[in-house]
Protein backbone atom coordinates (compact mmCIF):
# COMPACT_ATOMS: atom_id res chain seq x y z
CA MET A 1 -8.27 -15.75 -9.37
CA THR A 2 -6.38 -12.47 -8.98
CA THR A 3 -6.65 -10.24 -12.03
CA VAL A 4 -3.71 -7.93 -12.76
CA LEU A 5 -3.13 -4.95 -15.02
CA ILE A 6 0.52 -4.25 -15.85
CA ALA A 7 1.38 -0.55 -16.30
CA ASP A 8 4.95 -0.04 -17.52
CA ASP A 9 6.40 1.88 -20.45
CA GLN A 10 9.02 -0.83 -21.13
CA PRO A 11 7.67 -3.57 -23.44
CA LEU A 12 10.22 -6.12 -22.26
CA GLN A 13 9.33 -5.44 -18.62
CA ARG A 14 5.63 -5.91 -19.39
CA PHE A 15 6.36 -9.11 -21.29
CA GLY A 16 8.46 -10.54 -18.47
CA SER A 17 5.85 -9.66 -15.86
CA ARG A 18 3.06 -11.18 -17.95
CA MET A 19 4.98 -14.43 -18.45
CA LEU A 20 5.66 -14.71 -14.73
CA LEU A 21 2.12 -13.88 -13.61
CA GLU A 22 0.42 -16.15 -16.12
CA SER A 23 2.60 -19.06 -15.01
CA GLN A 24 0.63 -18.96 -11.74
CA ASP A 25 -2.63 -20.86 -11.31
CA ASP A 26 -4.17 -18.05 -9.23
CA MET A 27 -3.28 -15.05 -11.41
CA THR A 28 -4.21 -13.73 -14.82
CA VAL A 29 -3.17 -10.58 -16.69
CA VAL A 30 -6.21 -8.75 -18.02
CA GLY A 31 -4.39 -5.88 -19.70
CA GLU A 32 -1.25 -3.85 -20.27
CA ALA A 33 -0.70 -0.08 -20.26
CA ALA A 34 2.31 1.84 -21.55
CA ASN A 35 1.52 5.04 -19.63
CA GLY A 36 -0.52 6.39 -16.77
CA SER A 37 -3.44 7.54 -18.90
CA GLU A 38 -3.88 4.07 -20.35
CA ALA A 39 -3.65 2.59 -16.87
CA VAL A 40 -6.47 4.81 -15.61
CA ARG A 41 -8.65 4.06 -18.64
CA LEU A 42 -8.07 0.31 -18.58
CA THR A 43 -8.62 0.09 -14.84
CA ALA A 44 -12.02 1.76 -15.26
CA GLU A 45 -12.88 -0.69 -18.03
CA LEU A 46 -11.45 -3.93 -16.64
CA HIS A 47 -11.61 -3.46 -12.84
CA PRO A 48 -8.51 -5.55 -12.10
CA ASP A 49 -7.79 -6.63 -8.54
CA VAL A 50 -4.27 -5.20 -8.72
CA VAL A 51 -2.43 -2.73 -10.94
CA LEU A 52 1.32 -3.32 -11.09
CA MET A 53 2.28 0.35 -11.52
CA ASP A 54 5.60 1.71 -12.69
CA ILE A 55 6.37 5.22 -11.47
CA ARG A 56 8.23 6.75 -14.36
CA MET A 57 6.10 6.68 -17.49
CA PRO A 58 5.60 9.24 -20.26
CA GLY A 59 2.74 11.70 -19.97
CA LEU A 60 0.72 10.84 -16.89
CA ASP A 61 3.12 9.21 -14.43
CA GLY A 62 2.39 6.34 -12.09
CA ILE A 63 1.82 8.56 -9.06
CA GLU A 64 -0.90 10.64 -10.68
CA ALA A 65 -2.41 7.52 -12.24
CA THR A 66 -2.54 5.94 -8.78
CA ARG A 67 -4.21 9.04 -7.36
CA ARG A 68 -6.89 9.02 -10.07
CA ILE A 69 -7.60 5.30 -9.75
CA THR A 70 -7.97 5.38 -5.98
CA ALA A 71 -10.00 8.60 -6.10
CA ALA A 72 -12.49 6.88 -8.39
CA GLY A 73 -13.40 4.56 -5.54
CA ASP A 74 -12.71 1.36 -7.46
CA ARG A 75 -11.80 -1.76 -5.49
CA THR A 76 -8.56 -2.03 -7.47
CA ARG A 77 -5.37 -1.86 -5.40
CA ILE A 78 -2.10 -0.43 -6.61
CA LEU A 79 1.32 -2.01 -6.19
CA ILE A 80 3.96 0.55 -7.12
CA VAL A 81 7.36 -0.45 -8.46
CA THR A 82 10.13 1.75 -7.09
CA THR A 83 13.90 1.77 -6.54
CA PHE A 84 15.94 2.72 -3.50
CA ASP A 85 17.12 5.93 -5.15
CA LEU A 86 13.59 7.13 -5.87
CA ASP A 87 12.24 7.43 -2.34
CA GLU A 88 10.74 10.84 -3.00
CA TYR A 89 8.32 9.22 -5.43
CA ALA A 90 7.42 6.60 -2.86
CA TYR A 91 6.28 9.31 -0.44
CA ALA A 92 3.97 10.67 -3.11
CA GLY A 93 2.75 7.16 -3.82
CA LEU A 94 1.77 6.69 -0.19
CA ARG A 95 -0.33 9.82 -0.30
CA ALA A 96 -1.83 8.87 -3.64
CA GLY A 97 -3.28 5.67 -2.15
CA ALA A 98 -0.82 2.96 -3.15
CA SER A 99 -1.22 -0.27 -1.24
CA GLY A 100 2.41 -1.35 -1.42
CA PHE A 101 5.84 -1.07 -2.97
CA LEU A 102 8.41 -3.34 -4.54
CA VAL A 103 11.89 -2.59 -5.75
CA LYS A 104 12.36 -2.73 -9.50
CA ASP A 105 14.70 -5.73 -9.30
CA ALA A 106 12.56 -7.75 -6.90
CA GLN A 107 12.89 -11.51 -7.18
CA PRO A 108 9.99 -13.29 -8.94
CA GLU A 109 8.74 -14.84 -5.70
CA GLU A 110 8.77 -11.38 -4.05
CA LEU A 111 6.71 -9.92 -6.87
CA LEU A 112 4.17 -12.72 -6.69
CA ALA A 113 3.93 -12.54 -2.91
CA GLY A 114 3.55 -8.77 -3.12
CA ILE A 115 0.68 -8.98 -5.59
CA ARG A 116 -1.10 -11.57 -3.44
CA ALA A 117 -0.63 -9.48 -0.31
CA VAL A 118 -1.96 -6.32 -1.93
CA ALA A 119 -4.90 -8.19 -3.44
CA THR A 120 -6.03 -9.29 0.02
CA GLY A 121 -5.14 -6.04 1.80
CA ASP A 122 -3.68 -8.23 4.52
CA ALA A 123 -0.03 -7.29 4.91
CA VAL A 124 2.36 -4.48 4.15
CA VAL A 125 4.46 -5.46 1.15
CA ALA A 126 8.19 -5.99 1.76
CA PRO A 127 8.22 -4.90 5.43
CA SER A 128 11.92 -3.94 5.43
CA LEU A 129 11.41 -1.63 2.45
CA THR A 130 8.18 -0.21 3.82
CA ARG A 131 9.78 0.52 7.16
CA ARG A 132 12.72 2.21 5.45
CA LEU A 133 10.41 4.34 3.33
CA LEU A 134 8.30 5.31 6.32
CA ASP A 135 11.34 6.19 8.42
CA ALA A 136 12.30 8.68 5.74
CA TYR A 137 8.72 9.60 4.87
CA VAL A 138 7.90 10.99 8.31
CA HIS A 139 10.53 13.67 7.88
CA HIS A 140 8.61 14.95 4.86
CA LEU A 141 5.32 15.29 6.73
CA PRO A 142 4.08 18.88 7.04
CA ALA A 143 4.17 20.35 10.50
CA GLY A 144 0.91 19.45 12.22
CA PRO A 145 -0.94 21.22 15.00
CA SER A 146 0.87 21.96 18.22
CA SER A 147 2.10 19.03 20.26
CA GLU A 148 -0.74 19.68 22.66
CA ALA A 149 -3.17 18.14 20.15
CA LEU A 150 -3.92 14.62 21.38
CA PRO A 151 -4.52 11.63 19.08
CA GLN A 152 -8.03 11.09 20.43
CA GLU A 153 -9.04 14.49 19.10
CA ASP A 154 -8.94 13.08 15.56
CA PRO A 155 -12.44 11.86 14.62
CA ARG A 156 -11.02 8.89 12.71
CA LEU A 157 -9.83 7.42 16.01
CA ALA A 158 -12.94 8.15 18.05
CA SER A 159 -14.60 4.75 17.58
CA LEU A 160 -11.49 2.64 18.24
CA THR A 161 -11.27 0.59 21.42
CA ASP A 162 -8.15 0.84 23.57
CA ARG A 163 -6.87 -2.44 22.12
CA GLU A 164 -7.53 -1.29 18.55
CA ARG A 165 -5.72 1.97 19.24
CA GLU A 166 -2.79 -0.01 20.63
CA ILE A 167 -2.68 -2.23 17.56
CA LEU A 168 -2.94 0.73 15.19
CA THR A 169 0.04 2.27 16.96
CA VAL A 170 2.24 -0.79 16.44
CA ILE A 171 1.02 -1.17 12.85
CA GLY A 172 2.36 2.36 12.42
CA LYS A 173 5.70 1.16 13.75
CA GLY A 174 5.83 -1.49 11.03
CA TRP A 175 5.00 -4.57 13.07
CA THR A 176 3.68 -7.57 11.15
CA ASN A 177 0.67 -9.57 12.33
CA THR A 178 3.00 -12.26 13.64
CA GLU A 179 5.01 -9.71 15.63
CA ILE A 180 1.84 -8.16 17.04
CA ALA A 181 0.50 -11.56 18.06
CA THR A 182 3.75 -12.55 19.74
CA ARG A 183 4.44 -9.31 21.57
CA LEU A 184 0.86 -8.63 22.65
CA HIS A 185 0.14 -12.28 23.49
CA LEU A 186 -2.71 -12.67 20.99
CA THR A 187 -3.50 -15.23 18.33
CA GLU A 188 -2.86 -14.21 14.73
CA SER A 189 -6.54 -14.70 13.92
CA THR A 190 -7.44 -12.25 16.68
CA VAL A 191 -4.91 -9.76 15.33
CA LYS A 192 -6.38 -10.09 11.83
CA THR A 193 -9.84 -9.43 13.25
CA HIS A 194 -8.61 -6.31 15.04
CA VAL A 195 -6.82 -5.07 11.93
CA GLY A 196 -9.94 -5.55 9.83
CA ARG A 197 -12.02 -3.57 12.31
CA ILE A 198 -9.41 -0.81 12.45
CA LEU A 199 -9.42 -0.48 8.67
CA ALA A 200 -13.23 -0.40 8.58
CA LYS A 201 -13.63 2.09 11.43
CA THR A 202 -10.96 4.51 10.19
CA GLY A 203 -11.89 4.27 6.52
CA SER A 204 -8.38 3.09 5.59
CA ARG A 205 -8.17 1.29 2.25
CA ASP A 206 -5.50 -1.07 3.50
CA ARG A 207 -2.75 -1.57 6.01
CA ILE A 208 -0.29 0.91 4.55
CA GLN A 209 -2.91 3.65 4.68
CA ALA A 210 -3.41 2.75 8.36
CA VAL A 211 0.32 3.31 8.85
CA ILE A 212 -0.02 6.81 7.42
CA LEU A 213 -3.00 7.44 9.70
CA ALA A 214 -0.93 6.43 12.73
CA TYR A 215 1.68 9.02 11.82
CA ASP A 216 -0.78 11.73 10.84
CA THR A 217 -2.68 11.44 14.12
CA LYS A 218 0.53 11.33 16.20
CA LEU A 219 -0.09 7.82 17.50
CA VAL A 220 3.43 7.26 16.27
CA GLN A 221 5.74 10.15 17.02
CA THR A 222 8.51 11.21 14.67
CA SER A 223 11.95 11.36 16.15
């Protein structure tokens, strides 16, 4: 059973989300928060598997709430709700530790699939949106060391095998497990094993944080 906390300042939005989630046999809503401060407090009390986090809320916003929840080291994962015209908030959400993003008007099946994906840490939510965000996100990255700095100099990559480094690179390019398996001639179960080891070795919370790592360490070059 996946437990979910809904953080949104709109009562009707919370009500609609609760009705949808509780119609599923594998999900239950354990709480609701009308602002970021409540979301942080209730997450610490209830330890939900997933927080469905709105960005724009009064007082403490969803980005700062995400940062505080992930910094606390709880197993809870954050699924941020965003819109195409709020990309700048999505960049901040990536850095804050969010595990995925959905557009505000996502279809019910997309929302449910997104929550399940984030709960397992298995796949990047809404690949087309994630890729779009990352394409824009890389242009907001601070200038790193000189181009002479090689990826292997980063200690987070030191323990990766050549195959794991290759897979981390294509994860950074937004490839799904199916795409990786097809293009690298591997089984999906083997890809999942490699991804799990990459996350463990690099200390990445989930796949989207591995994407950020690939960019930060220059495994994936910005154009």
